[in-house]
N, C-alpha and C. Protein backbone atom coordinates (compact mmCIF):
# COMPACT_ATOMS: atom_id res chain seq x y z
N MET A 1 -21.01 8.06 -38.37
CA MET A 1 -20.79 9.27 -37.14
C MET A 1 -22.00 9.07 -36.44
N ASP A 2 -21.34 8.93 -34.84
CA ASP A 2 -22.36 8.83 -33.75
C ASP A 2 -22.87 10.31 -33.66
N GLY A 3 -24.62 10.62 -33.38
CA GLY A 3 -24.91 11.19 -32.78
C GLY A 3 -25.58 12.31 -34.02
N VAL A 4 -25.45 11.80 -35.53
CA VAL A 4 -26.10 12.72 -36.24
C VAL A 4 -26.61 11.81 -36.91
N TYR A 5 -27.95 12.47 -37.67
CA TYR A 5 -28.88 11.75 -38.28
C TYR A 5 -29.00 12.12 -39.72
N LEU A 6 -29.48 11.46 -40.89
CA LEU A 6 -30.05 12.55 -42.46
C LEU A 6 -31.57 12.57 -42.04
N ILE A 7 -32.07 13.69 -41.89
CA ILE A 7 -33.42 13.85 -42.22
C ILE A 7 -33.89 14.17 -43.41
N SER A 8 -33.37 14.33 -44.63
CA SER A 8 -34.16 14.92 -46.13
C SER A 8 -32.58 14.96 -46.82
N VAL A 9 -33.05 14.71 -48.18
CA VAL A 9 -32.30 15.24 -49.13
C VAL A 9 -33.32 15.61 -50.34
N GLU A 10 -33.46 16.99 -50.21
CA GLU A 10 -34.33 17.95 -51.04
C GLU A 10 -33.48 18.80 -52.32
N ALA A 11 -34.37 19.25 -53.23
CA ALA A 11 -34.32 19.85 -54.55
C ALA A 11 -33.21 21.06 -53.79
N SER A 12 -32.03 21.59 -54.21
CA SER A 12 -31.74 22.23 -53.48
C SER A 12 -32.06 24.20 -53.65
N LYS A 13 -32.02 25.02 -53.19
CA LYS A 13 -32.24 26.44 -53.49
C LYS A 13 -32.11 27.58 -53.96
N ALA A 14 -30.42 26.72 -53.87
CA ALA A 14 -29.07 27.53 -54.28
C ALA A 14 -29.27 27.40 -55.53
N PRO A 15 -29.16 28.30 -56.48
CA PRO A 15 -28.95 28.39 -57.80
C PRO A 15 -27.68 27.42 -58.75
N THR A 16 -26.82 27.43 -57.91
CA THR A 16 -25.60 26.25 -57.91
C THR A 16 -25.08 24.88 -57.87
N LYS A 17 -26.54 24.70 -57.21
CA LYS A 17 -26.37 22.78 -56.78
C LYS A 17 -27.35 22.42 -56.69
N LYS A 18 -27.57 21.28 -56.82
CA LYS A 18 -28.59 20.56 -57.06
C LYS A 18 -29.20 19.94 -56.01
N TRP A 19 -28.93 19.68 -54.85
CA TRP A 19 -29.33 19.14 -53.27
C TRP A 19 -28.96 19.52 -52.46
N THR A 20 -29.87 19.80 -51.34
CA THR A 20 -29.90 19.97 -49.98
C THR A 20 -30.00 19.12 -49.09
N ALA A 21 -29.15 18.19 -48.43
CA ALA A 21 -29.61 17.48 -47.09
C ALA A 21 -29.34 17.68 -45.72
N THR A 22 -30.22 17.14 -45.32
CA THR A 22 -30.22 18.37 -43.78
C THR A 22 -29.98 17.13 -43.18
N PHE A 23 -29.63 17.70 -41.96
CA PHE A 23 -29.26 16.38 -41.31
C PHE A 23 -29.48 16.98 -39.30
N GLY A 24 -29.56 15.71 -38.54
CA GLY A 24 -30.24 16.39 -36.93
C GLY A 24 -29.03 15.98 -36.08
N PHE A 25 -28.86 16.40 -35.06
CA PHE A 25 -27.94 15.88 -34.23
C PHE A 25 -28.80 15.73 -32.71
N LYS A 26 -28.33 14.06 -32.53
CA LYS A 26 -29.41 13.83 -31.21
C LYS A 26 -28.55 14.79 -30.08
N ASN A 27 -30.16 15.03 -29.12
CA ASN A 27 -29.62 15.73 -27.90
C ASN A 27 -29.01 17.15 -28.06
N LEU A 28 -29.31 17.22 -29.43
CA LEU A 28 -29.31 18.54 -30.33
C LEU A 28 -30.39 19.54 -30.59
N LYS A 29 -31.05 20.33 -30.98
CA LYS A 29 -32.07 21.21 -31.71
C LYS A 29 -31.64 21.58 -32.98
N HIS A 30 -30.56 21.94 -33.12
CA HIS A 30 -30.13 22.38 -34.17
C HIS A 30 -30.35 21.13 -35.36
N THR A 31 -30.38 21.89 -36.62
CA THR A 31 -29.65 20.97 -37.62
C THR A 31 -28.44 21.79 -38.57
N LYS A 32 -28.30 20.84 -39.56
CA LYS A 32 -27.58 21.17 -40.43
C LYS A 32 -27.66 21.04 -41.66
N ARG A 33 -27.65 22.26 -42.75
CA ARG A 33 -28.22 21.87 -44.24
C ARG A 33 -26.30 21.89 -44.85
N VAL A 34 -26.18 21.77 -45.86
CA VAL A 34 -25.16 20.44 -46.80
C VAL A 34 -25.71 20.97 -48.49
N SER A 35 -25.79 21.97 -49.11
CA SER A 35 -25.94 21.99 -50.58
C SER A 35 -24.54 21.29 -51.14
N PHE A 36 -24.76 20.42 -52.16
CA PHE A 36 -24.11 19.80 -53.10
C PHE A 36 -24.82 19.00 -54.38
N GLY A 37 -23.46 19.25 -54.83
CA GLY A 37 -23.97 18.85 -56.44
C GLY A 37 -23.87 19.86 -57.46
N SER A 38 -23.15 19.84 -58.38
CA SER A 38 -22.96 21.09 -59.22
C SER A 38 -24.39 21.30 -60.09
N ALA A 39 -25.13 22.16 -60.34
CA ALA A 39 -26.16 22.26 -61.07
C ALA A 39 -26.24 22.50 -62.17
N ASN A 40 -24.50 22.30 -62.79
CA ASN A 40 -24.32 22.70 -63.97
C ASN A 40 -23.26 21.75 -64.93
N MET A 41 -23.50 20.33 -63.82
CA MET A 41 -22.99 19.36 -64.26
C MET A 41 -23.76 18.07 -64.62
N ASP A 42 -24.02 17.07 -64.96
CA ASP A 42 -24.22 15.48 -64.86
C ASP A 42 -23.80 14.82 -63.79
N ASP A 43 -24.63 13.92 -63.18
CA ASP A 43 -24.13 12.98 -62.70
C ASP A 43 -24.49 11.44 -63.18
N TYR A 44 -24.09 10.55 -62.15
CA TYR A 44 -24.00 9.46 -62.51
C TYR A 44 -26.00 8.93 -62.20
N THR A 45 -26.54 9.29 -61.72
CA THR A 45 -28.13 9.26 -61.60
C THR A 45 -28.45 9.22 -63.13
N ILE A 46 -28.17 10.37 -63.87
CA ILE A 46 -28.39 11.00 -64.71
C ILE A 46 -28.00 10.15 -66.09
N THR A 47 -26.43 10.28 -66.17
CA THR A 47 -25.98 9.80 -67.25
C THR A 47 -26.19 8.40 -67.25
N LYS A 48 -26.34 7.42 -65.89
CA LYS A 48 -25.67 6.37 -65.87
C LYS A 48 -24.57 5.52 -66.99
N ASN A 49 -23.71 6.12 -66.89
CA ASN A 49 -22.29 6.35 -67.63
C ASN A 49 -21.69 5.84 -66.31
N LYS A 50 -20.87 4.71 -66.52
CA LYS A 50 -19.99 3.69 -65.47
C LYS A 50 -18.52 4.56 -65.84
N GLU A 51 -18.20 4.27 -66.72
CA GLU A 51 -16.84 4.56 -67.15
C GLU A 51 -16.92 6.50 -66.44
N GLN A 52 -17.86 7.39 -66.51
CA GLN A 52 -17.83 8.46 -66.17
C GLN A 52 -17.75 8.72 -64.90
N ARG A 53 -18.88 7.75 -64.16
CA ARG A 53 -18.42 7.51 -62.61
C ARG A 53 -17.25 7.19 -61.98
N ASP A 54 -16.24 6.10 -62.80
CA ASP A 54 -14.91 6.07 -61.96
C ASP A 54 -14.23 7.07 -62.50
N ARG A 55 -14.32 7.63 -63.12
CA ARG A 55 -13.37 8.93 -63.58
C ARG A 55 -13.50 9.98 -62.32
N TYR A 56 -15.00 10.01 -62.28
CA TYR A 56 -15.58 10.97 -61.01
C TYR A 56 -14.76 10.43 -59.70
N ARG A 57 -15.30 9.60 -59.69
CA ARG A 57 -14.62 8.98 -58.35
C ARG A 57 -13.40 9.00 -58.38
N ALA A 58 -12.57 8.17 -59.11
CA ALA A 58 -11.22 8.41 -59.05
C ALA A 58 -10.69 10.67 -58.94
N ARG A 59 -10.95 11.11 -59.22
CA ARG A 59 -10.57 12.34 -59.08
C ARG A 59 -11.08 13.18 -57.71
N HIS A 60 -11.91 12.85 -57.32
CA HIS A 60 -12.48 13.17 -55.93
C HIS A 60 -12.94 12.18 -54.89
N ALA A 61 -11.60 11.16 -54.68
CA ALA A 61 -11.72 10.29 -53.78
C ALA A 61 -10.75 11.25 -52.69
N LYS A 62 -10.32 12.21 -52.99
CA LYS A 62 -9.36 13.47 -51.86
C LYS A 62 -10.56 13.45 -51.10
N ASP A 63 -11.75 13.94 -51.72
CA ASP A 63 -12.38 14.63 -51.01
C ASP A 63 -13.16 14.03 -49.44
N LEU A 64 -12.76 12.58 -49.73
CA LEU A 64 -13.05 11.94 -48.65
C LEU A 64 -12.11 11.91 -47.25
N ASN A 65 -10.83 12.52 -47.34
CA ASN A 65 -9.89 12.67 -46.60
C ASN A 65 -10.52 13.36 -45.01
N THR A 66 -11.28 14.11 -45.41
CA THR A 66 -11.79 14.54 -44.24
C THR A 66 -12.70 13.57 -43.66
N ASN A 67 -12.96 12.50 -43.47
CA ASN A 67 -13.61 11.82 -42.48
C ASN A 67 -14.96 12.38 -42.03
N ASN A 68 -15.65 12.81 -42.60
CA ASN A 68 -16.71 13.85 -42.08
C ASN A 68 -17.70 13.64 -43.37
N PRO A 69 -18.95 12.58 -43.18
CA PRO A 69 -19.75 12.89 -44.07
C PRO A 69 -20.73 13.30 -44.70
N THR A 70 -20.44 14.35 -43.20
CA THR A 70 -21.51 15.24 -44.22
C THR A 70 -21.33 16.49 -45.17
N ARG A 71 -20.20 16.89 -45.26
CA ARG A 71 -19.76 17.35 -46.32
C ARG A 71 -19.98 17.22 -47.84
N PRO A 72 -20.10 18.41 -48.41
CA PRO A 72 -20.45 18.07 -50.19
C PRO A 72 -19.58 16.91 -50.52
N GLY A 73 -18.90 17.03 -50.24
CA GLY A 73 -17.69 16.12 -51.13
C GLY A 73 -18.03 14.44 -50.63
N PHE A 74 -18.22 13.55 -49.98
CA PHE A 74 -19.07 13.02 -49.47
C PHE A 74 -20.38 12.64 -49.81
N LEU A 75 -21.31 13.34 -49.82
CA LEU A 75 -22.85 13.68 -50.50
C LEU A 75 -22.64 13.10 -52.11
N SER A 76 -22.09 14.28 -52.22
CA SER A 76 -21.97 13.81 -54.15
C SER A 76 -21.71 12.32 -54.57
N TYR A 77 -19.98 12.49 -53.70
CA TYR A 77 -19.59 10.92 -53.94
C TYR A 77 -20.24 9.91 -53.65
N TYR A 78 -21.34 9.60 -52.58
CA TYR A 78 -22.13 8.46 -52.42
C TYR A 78 -23.10 8.66 -52.68
N ILE A 79 -24.03 9.58 -53.49
CA ILE A 79 -25.22 9.84 -53.42
C ILE A 79 -25.62 10.19 -54.84
N LEU A 80 -24.83 11.10 -55.61
CA LEU A 80 -24.96 11.13 -56.86
C LEU A 80 -24.20 10.17 -58.05
N TRP A 81 -22.82 10.25 -57.33
CA TRP A 81 -21.94 9.03 -58.27
C TRP A 81 -21.73 7.55 -57.22
N GLY A 82 -22.83 7.50 -56.81
CA GLY A 82 -22.59 5.73 -56.24
C GLY A 82 -22.87 4.48 -56.72
N ASP A 83 -22.95 3.42 -55.95
CA ASP A 83 -23.11 2.21 -56.79
C ASP A 83 -23.92 2.41 -58.00
N SER A 84 -25.21 2.31 -57.65
CA SER A 84 -26.64 2.94 -58.19
C SER A 84 -26.75 3.98 -59.18
N THR A 85 -27.75 3.47 -59.59
CA THR A 85 -28.19 4.71 -60.69
C THR A 85 -29.45 5.39 -59.91
N SER A 86 -30.26 5.22 -59.13
CA SER A 86 -30.84 5.08 -58.22
C SER A 86 -30.71 6.35 -56.82
N MET A 87 -31.17 7.64 -56.58
CA MET A 87 -30.75 8.27 -55.74
C MET A 87 -31.24 7.72 -54.28
N ARG A 88 -32.39 6.92 -54.92
CA ARG A 88 -33.02 6.17 -52.95
C ARG A 88 -32.35 5.28 -52.88
N THR A 89 -31.74 4.72 -53.36
CA THR A 89 -31.05 3.34 -53.25
C THR A 89 -29.48 3.97 -52.97
N ASN A 90 -29.09 4.90 -53.39
CA ASN A 90 -27.63 5.40 -52.91
C ASN A 90 -27.76 6.41 -51.51
N ILE A 91 -28.92 6.74 -51.61
CA ILE A 91 -29.30 7.20 -50.02
C ILE A 91 -29.11 6.38 -48.89
N ALA A 92 -30.19 5.43 -48.96
CA ALA A 92 -30.12 4.45 -48.16
C ALA A 92 -29.22 3.52 -47.85
N ASN A 93 -28.00 3.61 -49.38
CA ASN A 93 -27.01 2.42 -48.81
C ASN A 93 -25.93 3.50 -47.96
N TYR A 94 -25.80 5.00 -48.19
CA TYR A 94 -25.12 6.17 -47.74
C TYR A 94 -25.36 6.42 -45.86
N LYS A 95 -27.06 6.07 -45.97
CA LYS A 95 -27.04 6.09 -44.49
C LYS A 95 -26.63 5.09 -44.03
N LYS A 96 -26.97 3.96 -44.04
CA LYS A 96 -26.24 2.66 -43.68
C LYS A 96 -24.81 2.67 -43.69
N LYS A 97 -24.20 2.87 -44.80
CA LYS A 97 -22.65 3.06 -44.28
C LYS A 97 -22.17 4.22 -43.06
N PHE A 98 -22.53 5.36 -43.26
CA PHE A 98 -22.05 6.31 -42.04
C PHE A 98 -22.65 6.00 -40.79
N ASN A 99 -24.19 5.25 -40.96
CA ASN A 99 -24.67 4.93 -39.62
C ASN A 99 -25.82 6.28 -39.54
N LEU A 100 -26.15 6.48 -40.49
CA LEU A 100 -27.05 7.70 -40.37
C LEU A 100 -28.50 8.10 -40.48
């Protein structure tokens, strides 16, 4: 996404969410905060269960139809349910994939 970059991913202050991603915009002074990941659900970084990850991805592939990587569905899909069980690796891959 041109002109957008990921600043950070931190534990969410929202009681129903796990994480909050903060995005910056080149040539603009404001940021966008997006909370994602249900606080009541496990994810691949926790369970390390590939079958569970595959089921999640099949159910949530439709979330990618927005073509907007700053949406919660993208963040969950690529960071919490990404190819690795490491959030650090998934965040790096997400940033690289979407040029953030």
